[in-house]
Amino acid sequence: MKHSPHEDRTIVPLFDAMNRLPGGLMLVPLILGSIMGTFAMPALEIGSFTTALFKDGAMALIALLIFATGTHVTARTSGPVLAHAAVILTAKSLIPAGAVVLLGLAVGIDGIAGVSILALLVAVDNSNGGLWLAFTGRYGDKRDRGAYLASAINDGPFFSMLFLGMSGLAAIPGTLLLAAVVPFLLGMLVGNLDPKWRDIMRSTPNIVIPFFAFGLGTGIDLGAVVKGGASGLVVGAVVTPFTGALVYFGYRCVLRRGDKSGLGFAAATTAGNAIATPAIVGAADPKFAPYVETATAQVAASALITAVLAPLLASWVLKREGGLTVVDEDGNLLDEESGADPAAGGVPEGGAGASRDGAAAAPNRAAPDTAPNATTDTATDTAQGGGSGGSSAAPSSRDSGEPDGEARA
């Protein structure tokens, strides 16, 4: 069926343009938010819905995304999800933090090259869960997205305080850790009780990621990033390849993820809220107070730099190893342009599968009446997002003219 001449046409392909950049669905709004937060914050503080959405809404939107992710984790897949989360937590937080502490024992808390042990530790022992969800939403499956649990656990000052051997604030109440995972657990419960909720929540990533990324960006002061200067660049440059390589080898050697092992580099980030951790540590132990100002600037630089480097490096490794392919929550290959699931009839009979550079084979363009039931509503739902944080997928059969979610006959 031909498109109506009165159909809305794209004037500026904003969504597709963002998706051409690895992690762009989050990265572009994050940078725009940091620019607005640095130079025009009063415009975001006029109150009401403007402030609620563009400045204060990030945490609520991330919680919604976490709930949506939980709905796709069934009792059957919870084991693999926990295994992935454990590997990421060990490789991204425990091993790097232990290495930084050993370095501190060797050289002192002054650190090296103008980077204090406080700044290094805070930068390496946590991760940007929002970016992880955005990236794995496009190139990973439900196991990867569910591994957000690692970010929920390493978020905040917990590991920094723990590895600095402190008491007081290091004794984080268990209720805080529980509060970080409650939306995920509720999502699991709802998704297992009523699978219809999985279909309802499929489009959540594409909806919320740009908005919470902008909100997170408003909290990154570019002045602090510039103040961090060359030392901040050093921190960010160390965090991404070092911690990313550890998670990569965990994915390859422990989880046996093959050409998808490059996803591990997407975890090699510093969370935006880690910027506040040096001040918390300095308040708990006065001997770290002289390092707080510089460490805060360096961590801010690391948060922004790793948000750029991690998805770029992850995409490069995935493409090099043949894993830069868009998949749904079950790991089924999707056509990158149409969003069609080749296994559901989107590839001509006997045709080739996905090419190794991430693009799937061309979908079957046969008329709907010559290919009965070639595309089901399941494939269409998958095309609508599949929990994909960066997919700009369209309905799998453009010529059918049927609304999304209806079966093609």
Protein backbone atom coordinates (compact mmCIF):
# COMPACT_ATOMS: atom_id res chain seq x y z
CA MET A 1 0.00 0.00 0.00
CA LYS A 2 1.40 3.38 -1.00
CA HIS A 3 1.90 6.10 1.55
CA SER A 4 -0.74 8.82 1.60
CA PRO A 5 0.39 12.12 0.04
CA HIS A 6 -0.93 13.80 3.20
CA GLU A 7 1.24 11.69 5.50
CA ASP A 8 3.48 13.65 7.86
CA ARG A 9 7.00 13.96 6.48
CA THR A 10 10.22 14.29 8.41
CA ILE A 11 11.62 17.80 8.10
CA VAL A 12 14.75 17.26 10.22
CA PRO A 13 15.66 13.63 11.10
CA LEU A 14 16.61 14.40 14.69
CA PHE A 15 16.02 10.90 16.06
CA ASP A 16 17.92 9.12 13.28
CA ALA A 17 20.77 11.64 13.49
CA MET A 18 21.25 10.92 17.19
CA ASN A 19 21.21 7.18 16.58
CA ARG A 20 24.03 7.41 14.05
CA LEU A 21 26.33 8.25 16.95
CA PRO A 22 27.02 5.31 19.30
CA GLY A 23 25.02 5.96 22.43
CA GLY A 24 23.80 9.15 20.76
CA LEU A 25 20.26 8.85 22.10
CA MET A 26 21.75 9.59 25.51
CA LEU A 27 25.01 11.33 24.65
CA VAL A 28 23.59 14.18 22.55
CA PRO A 29 20.94 15.25 25.12
CA LEU A 30 23.53 14.85 27.90
CA ILE A 31 25.88 17.34 26.23
CA LEU A 32 23.02 19.71 25.42
CA GLY A 33 21.89 19.50 29.05
CA SER A 34 25.39 20.29 30.32
CA ILE A 35 25.53 23.34 28.03
CA MET A 36 22.14 24.55 29.26
CA GLY A 37 23.02 23.84 32.87
CA THR A 38 26.28 25.76 32.60
CA PHE A 39 25.16 28.80 30.62
CA ALA A 40 21.38 29.06 30.96
CA MET A 41 20.31 27.30 34.16
CA PRO A 42 17.79 30.05 35.10
CA ALA A 43 15.80 29.13 31.98
CA LEU A 44 15.35 25.62 33.42
CA GLU A 45 14.36 26.91 36.86
CA ILE A 46 11.20 28.80 35.91
CA GLY A 47 9.19 26.13 37.68
CA SER A 48 6.20 23.94 36.88
CA PHE A 49 6.47 21.34 34.13
CA THR A 50 9.55 22.88 32.50
CA THR A 51 11.68 22.44 35.61
CA ALA A 52 10.08 19.09 36.45
CA LEU A 53 10.89 17.58 33.06
CA PHE A 54 14.17 19.17 32.01
CA LYS A 55 15.95 19.64 35.34
CA ASP A 56 14.45 17.56 38.15
CA GLY A 57 12.90 14.60 36.30
CA ALA A 58 15.97 12.47 35.59
CA MET A 59 15.69 10.14 38.57
CA ALA A 60 11.98 9.43 38.04
CA LEU A 61 12.52 8.70 34.34
CA ILE A 62 15.46 6.41 35.07
CA ALA A 63 13.29 4.59 37.62
CA LEU A 64 10.63 4.11 34.94
CA LEU A 65 13.24 2.69 32.56
CA ILE A 66 14.46 0.34 35.28
CA PHE A 67 10.88 -0.84 35.87
CA ALA A 68 10.44 -1.43 32.12
CA THR A 69 13.69 -3.39 32.03
CA GLY A 70 12.50 -5.55 34.92
CA THR A 71 9.31 -6.54 33.08
CA HIS A 72 11.44 -8.36 30.48
CA VAL A 73 13.26 -10.50 33.06
CA THR A 74 11.39 -13.73 33.64
CA ALA A 75 12.02 -16.40 36.23
CA ARG A 76 13.65 -18.45 33.49
CA THR A 77 16.15 -15.70 32.61
CA SER A 78 16.87 -14.31 36.10
CA GLY A 79 19.92 -16.59 36.54
CA PRO A 80 21.75 -15.25 33.47
CA VAL A 81 20.83 -11.67 34.46
CA LEU A 82 22.34 -12.11 37.92
CA ALA A 83 25.44 -13.71 36.40
CA HIS A 84 25.93 -10.73 34.07
CA ALA A 85 25.40 -8.26 36.91
CA ALA A 86 27.94 -10.10 39.09
CA VAL A 87 30.56 -10.07 36.32
CA ILE A 88 30.08 -6.35 35.70
CA LEU A 89 30.15 -5.50 39.40
CA THR A 90 33.34 -7.50 39.91
CA ALA A 91 35.14 -6.24 36.80
CA LYS A 92 33.96 -2.62 36.88
CA SER A 93 34.00 -1.92 40.62
CA LEU A 94 35.70 -4.47 42.86
CA ILE A 95 38.87 -5.16 40.84
CA PRO A 96 39.56 -1.53 39.79
CA ALA A 97 38.87 -0.21 43.29
CA GLY A 98 41.21 -2.82 44.76
CA ALA A 99 43.91 -1.81 42.28
CA VAL A 100 43.56 1.89 43.18
CA VAL A 101 43.81 1.10 46.90
CA LEU A 102 47.00 -0.90 46.27
CA LEU A 103 48.38 2.06 44.32
CA GLY A 104 47.52 4.33 47.23
CA LEU A 105 49.37 2.05 49.64
CA ALA A 106 52.40 2.27 47.38
CA VAL A 107 52.49 6.00 46.57
CA GLY A 108 50.27 7.59 49.22
CA ILE A 109 46.96 9.43 48.93
CA ASP A 110 48.56 12.17 46.83
CA GLY A 111 48.35 9.76 43.91
CA ILE A 112 50.25 10.25 40.67
CA ALA A 113 50.46 12.86 37.89
CA GLY A 114 48.36 15.34 39.86
CA VAL A 115 45.50 12.87 40.26
CA SER A 116 44.76 11.97 43.87
CA ILE A 117 43.82 8.50 44.99
CA LEU A 118 40.45 9.94 45.97
CA ALA A 119 39.75 11.09 42.40
CA LEU A 120 40.90 7.80 40.87
CA LEU A 121 38.88 5.68 43.26
CA VAL A 122 35.67 7.67 42.84
CA ALA A 123 36.05 7.61 39.04
CA VAL A 124 36.57 3.86 38.66
CA ASP A 125 34.32 2.19 41.22
CA ASN A 126 30.92 3.19 39.81
CA SER A 127 29.23 3.33 36.41
CA ASN A 128 26.66 5.30 34.45
CA GLY A 129 23.63 3.00 34.54
CA GLY A 130 21.62 5.22 32.20
CA LEU A 131 24.21 5.02 29.44
CA TRP A 132 24.50 1.27 29.95
CA LEU A 133 20.74 0.84 29.52
CA ALA A 134 20.74 3.09 26.46
CA PHE A 135 23.58 1.24 24.73
CA THR A 136 22.56 -2.31 25.62
CA GLY A 137 18.99 -1.42 24.72
CA ARG A 138 20.15 -1.23 21.11
CA TYR A 139 22.88 -3.85 20.87
CA GLY A 140 22.25 -6.14 23.86
CA ASP A 141 19.49 -8.42 25.09
CA LYS A 142 17.53 -8.80 28.33
CA ARG A 143 20.54 -10.28 30.14
CA ASP A 144 22.59 -7.17 29.41
CA ARG A 145 19.82 -4.74 30.25
CA GLY A 146 18.97 -6.57 33.46
CA ALA A 147 22.63 -6.31 34.47
CA TYR A 148 21.81 -2.70 35.30
CA LEU A 149 21.64 -4.17 38.82
CA ALA A 150 25.41 -3.71 38.98
CA SER A 151 24.99 0.04 38.51
CA ALA A 152 22.27 0.11 41.15
CA ILE A 153 24.67 -1.44 43.64
CA ASN A 154 27.83 0.53 42.83
CA ASP A 155 25.95 3.84 42.65
CA GLY A 156 26.84 6.46 45.25
CA PRO A 157 29.72 6.58 47.74
CA PHE A 158 29.36 3.04 49.08
CA PHE A 159 32.34 1.40 47.39
CA SER A 160 34.53 4.48 47.73
CA MET A 161 33.94 4.55 51.48
CA LEU A 162 34.29 0.80 51.78
CA PHE A 163 37.61 0.62 49.97
CA LEU A 164 39.03 3.63 51.81
CA GLY A 165 38.51 1.57 54.96
CA MET A 166 36.19 4.08 56.62
CA SER A 167 33.34 3.76 59.05
CA GLY A 168 30.44 6.16 59.51
CA LEU A 169 29.09 6.96 56.04
CA ALA A 170 30.61 3.74 54.79
CA ALA A 171 27.95 1.92 56.75
CA ILE A 172 25.29 2.61 54.12
CA PRO A 173 21.87 1.46 55.37
CA GLY A 174 20.63 -1.59 53.53
CA THR A 175 17.39 0.23 52.81
CA LEU A 176 19.24 2.54 50.40
CA LEU A 177 20.50 -0.39 48.35
CA LEU A 178 17.04 -1.94 48.43
CA ALA A 179 15.48 1.33 47.27
CA ALA A 180 17.75 1.32 44.20
CA VAL A 181 16.46 -2.06 43.01
CA VAL A 182 12.80 -1.93 44.06
CA PRO A 183 11.60 -0.63 40.64
CA PHE A 184 13.48 -3.45 38.92
CA LEU A 185 12.05 -6.08 41.24
CA LEU A 186 8.51 -4.71 40.84
CA GLY A 187 8.98 -4.76 37.07
CA MET A 188 9.99 -8.41 37.26
CA LEU A 189 6.93 -9.20 39.36
CA VAL A 190 4.49 -7.40 37.06
CA GLY A 191 6.06 -8.79 33.89
CA ASN A 192 5.84 -12.35 35.17
CA LEU A 193 2.27 -11.98 36.43
CA ASP A 194 1.00 -10.33 33.24
CA PRO A 195 3.20 -10.58 30.09
CA LYS A 196 1.02 -7.91 28.47
CA TRP A 197 3.02 -5.37 30.45
CA ARG A 198 6.15 -6.37 28.53
CA ASP A 199 4.46 -5.26 25.33
CA ILE A 200 3.26 -2.03 26.92
CA MET A 201 6.73 -1.13 28.19
CA ARG A 202 8.67 -1.96 25.03
CA SER A 203 8.83 1.63 23.78
CA THR A 204 9.88 3.07 27.14
CA PRO A 205 13.62 3.40 26.35
CA ASN A 206 13.10 5.48 23.22
CA ILE A 207 10.74 7.74 25.14
CA VAL A 208 12.60 8.38 28.40
CA ILE A 209 16.32 8.16 27.56
CA PRO A 210 16.68 11.55 25.80
CA PHE A 211 14.82 13.31 28.60
CA PHE A 212 16.64 11.83 31.59
CA ALA A 213 19.97 12.28 29.77
CA PHE A 214 19.25 15.99 29.37
CA GLY A 215 18.34 16.22 33.05
CA LEU A 216 21.55 14.46 34.09
CA GLY A 217 23.53 16.78 31.83
CA THR A 218 22.25 19.87 33.63
CA GLY A 219 24.11 18.65 36.70
CA ILE A 220 27.48 18.62 34.91
CA ASP A 221 29.09 22.06 35.09
CA LEU A 222 31.35 22.52 32.06
CA GLY A 223 33.33 24.99 34.15
CA ALA A 224 34.26 22.17 36.51
CA VAL A 225 35.16 19.99 33.53
CA VAL A 226 37.48 22.68 32.18
CA LYS A 227 38.92 23.21 35.65
CA GLY A 228 39.74 19.53 35.77
CA GLY A 229 41.88 20.21 32.70
CA ALA A 230 44.53 17.77 31.61
CA SER A 231 44.31 15.80 34.85
CA GLY A 232 40.60 15.23 34.27
CA LEU A 233 41.39 14.01 30.77
CA VAL A 234 43.89 11.57 32.27
CA VAL A 235 41.26 10.21 34.67
CA GLY A 236 38.69 9.70 31.92
CA ALA A 237 41.28 8.24 29.56
CA VAL A 238 42.29 5.70 32.20
CA VAL A 239 38.81 4.71 33.34
CA THR A 240 37.38 3.73 29.94
CA PRO A 241 40.07 1.41 28.54
CA PHE A 242 41.14 -0.04 31.89
CA THR A 243 37.77 -0.88 33.42
CA GLY A 244 36.24 -1.55 29.99
CA ALA A 245 38.87 -4.17 29.21
CA LEU A 246 38.16 -5.92 32.51
CA VAL A 247 34.41 -6.13 31.80
CA TYR A 248 35.16 -7.15 28.20
CA PHE A 249 37.23 -10.13 29.33
CA GLY A 250 34.52 -11.01 31.86
CA TYR A 251 31.99 -11.06 29.03
CA ARG A 252 34.27 -13.10 26.78
CA CYS A 253 35.89 -15.55 29.19
CA VAL A 254 33.29 -15.96 31.95
CA LEU A 255 29.95 -15.29 30.25
CA ARG A 256 31.06 -16.64 26.83
CA ARG A 257 29.26 -13.89 24.91
CA GLY A 258 31.46 -14.15 21.80
CA ASP A 259 31.01 -11.28 19.34
CA LYS A 260 28.85 -9.39 21.86
CA SER A 261 31.70 -9.17 24.37
CA GLY A 262 32.40 -5.61 23.27
CA LEU A 263 29.31 -4.56 25.21
CA GLY A 264 31.55 -4.67 28.27
CA PHE A 265 33.21 -1.40 27.28
CA ALA A 266 29.85 0.39 27.61
CA ALA A 267 30.13 -0.13 31.38
CA ALA A 268 33.44 1.76 31.49
CA THR A 269 31.96 5.05 32.65
CA THR A 270 31.84 7.34 35.64
CA ALA A 271 28.36 8.13 36.92
CA GLY A 272 27.26 11.76 37.00
CA ASN A 273 26.25 11.56 40.66
CA ALA A 274 29.81 10.45 41.54
CA ILE A 275 30.74 14.12 41.30
CA ALA A 276 29.37 14.58 44.82
CA THR A 277 31.30 11.65 46.32
CA PRO A 278 34.65 13.45 46.98
CA ALA A 279 32.85 15.96 49.20
CA ILE A 280 31.16 13.13 51.12
CA VAL A 281 34.48 11.37 51.64
CA GLY A 282 36.18 14.63 52.69
CA ALA A 283 33.47 15.29 55.26
CA ALA A 284 33.90 11.79 56.69
CA ASP A 285 37.68 11.90 56.94
CA PRO A 286 39.39 15.35 57.22
CA LYS A 287 42.68 14.06 55.78
CA PHE A 288 40.99 13.90 52.35
CA ALA A 289 39.58 17.44 52.63
CA PRO A 290 42.50 19.12 50.80
CA TYR A 291 41.84 16.92 47.75
CA VAL A 292 38.08 17.43 47.52
CA GLU A 293 37.99 20.48 45.22
CA THR A 294 40.45 19.13 42.67
CA ALA A 295 39.02 15.61 42.83
CA THR A 296 35.50 16.94 42.23
CA ALA A 297 36.64 18.73 39.07
CA GLN A 298 38.51 15.65 37.85
CA VAL A 299 35.57 13.34 38.48
CA ALA A 300 33.26 15.76 36.64
CA ALA A 301 35.63 15.68 33.66
CA SER A 302 35.74 11.89 33.84
CA ALA A 303 31.94 11.65 33.90
CA LEU A 304 31.65 13.61 30.66
CA ILE A 305 34.67 12.13 28.90
CA THR A 306 33.78 8.52 29.68
CA ALA A 307 30.21 9.14 28.50
CA VAL A 308 31.74 9.93 25.11
CA LEU A 309 34.57 7.39 25.00
CA ALA A 310 32.79 4.31 26.37
CA PRO A 311 30.07 3.96 23.70
CA LEU A 312 32.55 4.82 20.95
CA LEU A 313 35.03 2.19 22.12
CA ALA A 314 32.28 -0.37 22.69
CA SER A 315 30.94 0.21 19.17
CA TRP A 316 34.40 -0.08 17.65
CA VAL A 317 35.08 -3.40 19.40
CA LEU A 318 31.62 -4.76 18.54
CA LYS A 319 32.03 -3.83 14.88
CA ARG A 320 35.54 -5.29 14.74
CA GLU A 321 34.28 -8.59 16.16
CA GLY A 322 31.03 -8.69 14.19
CA GLY A 323 28.69 -7.98 17.09
CA LEU A 324 27.44 -4.50 16.17
CA THR A 325 23.95 -5.81 15.42
CA VAL A 326 20.60 -4.60 16.71
CA VAL A 327 18.77 -7.30 18.65
CA ASP A 328 15.55 -7.55 20.64
CA GLU A 329 15.27 -8.55 24.29
CA ASP A 330 15.59 -12.23 23.41
CA GLY A 331 18.71 -11.68 21.29
CA ASN A 332 16.88 -12.10 17.96
CA LEU A 333 18.49 -10.15 15.16
CA LEU A 334 16.60 -7.09 13.92
CA ASP A 335 16.98 -5.35 10.60
CA GLU A 336 18.64 -2.05 11.54
CA GLU A 337 16.57 0.03 9.16
CA SER A 338 13.13 -1.53 9.30
CA GLY A 339 13.34 -3.21 12.67
CA ALA A 340 12.08 -6.47 11.17
CA ASP A 341 12.98 -9.72 12.79
CA PRO A 342 14.54 -11.83 10.02
CA ALA A 343 13.47 -14.99 11.82
CA ALA A 344 9.86 -13.87 11.53
CA GLY A 345 9.85 -13.82 7.78
CA GLY A 346 11.64 -10.54 7.12
CA VAL A 347 14.38 -12.21 5.06
CA PRO A 348 13.68 -13.81 1.69
CA GLU A 349 13.60 -17.57 1.80
CA GLY A 350 17.10 -18.87 1.36
CA GLY A 351 18.49 -15.36 1.70
CA ALA A 352 21.49 -14.33 3.71
CA GLY A 353 21.29 -13.44 7.35
CA ALA A 354 22.84 -10.44 8.96
CA SER A 355 26.06 -9.06 7.57
CA ARG A 356 28.88 -8.92 10.02
CA ASP A 357 29.09 -5.13 10.13
CA GLY A 358 25.80 -4.88 11.97
CA ALA A 359 23.26 -4.58 9.17
CA ALA A 360 20.73 -7.30 8.55
CA ALA A 361 19.86 -8.67 5.15
CA ALA A 362 17.16 -6.84 3.23
CA PRO A 363 13.64 -7.73 4.35
CA ASN A 364 11.19 -9.46 2.09
CA ARG A 365 9.19 -6.85 0.18
CA ALA A 366 6.54 -9.22 -1.13
CA ALA A 367 3.01 -7.87 -1.10
CA PRO A 368 1.08 -8.73 2.08
CA ASP A 369 -1.48 -10.84 0.21
CA THR A 370 1.26 -13.06 -1.22
CA ALA A 371 2.91 -13.77 2.10
CA PRO A 372 0.19 -14.67 4.57
CA ASN A 373 1.13 -14.22 8.20
CA ALA A 374 4.70 -13.43 7.24
CA THR A 375 4.91 -10.80 9.92
CA THR A 376 3.10 -11.26 13.20
CA ASP A 377 2.26 -8.79 15.87
CA THR A 378 5.14 -10.20 17.89
CA ALA A 379 7.64 -9.12 15.27
CA THR A 380 5.95 -5.74 15.06
CA ASP A 381 6.17 -5.26 18.82
CA THR A 382 9.80 -6.24 18.66
CA ALA A 383 10.35 -3.66 15.95
CA GLN A 384 8.80 -1.01 18.12
CA GLY A 385 11.69 -1.18 20.54
CA GLY A 386 12.23 -4.57 22.08
CA GLY A 387 13.51 -2.71 25.11
CA SER A 388 16.01 -1.15 22.76
CA GLY A 389 17.49 2.01 24.09
CA GLY A 390 18.62 3.39 20.78
CA SER A 391 16.64 1.69 18.12
CA SER A 392 14.83 3.85 15.63
CA ALA A 393 13.05 0.87 14.21
CA ALA A 394 9.98 1.26 12.05
CA PRO A 395 7.22 -1.32 11.52
CA SER A 396 8.52 -4.42 9.88
CA SER A 397 6.32 -4.19 6.82
CA ARG A 398 6.19 -0.67 5.46
CA ASP A 399 3.92 -1.54 2.59
CA SER A 400 1.15 -3.09 4.63
CA GLY A 401 -0.34 0.18 5.84
CA GLU A 402 -1.61 -1.54 8.98
CA PRO A 403 -1.26 0.17 12.37
CA ASP A 404 1.48 -0.96 14.72
CA GLY A 405 0.61 -4.00 16.74
CA GLU A 406 -1.90 -5.49 14.26
CA ALA A 407 -1.18 -8.73 12.49
CA ARG A 408 -0.49 -8.56 8.77
CA ALA A 409 -2.52 -10.99 6.74
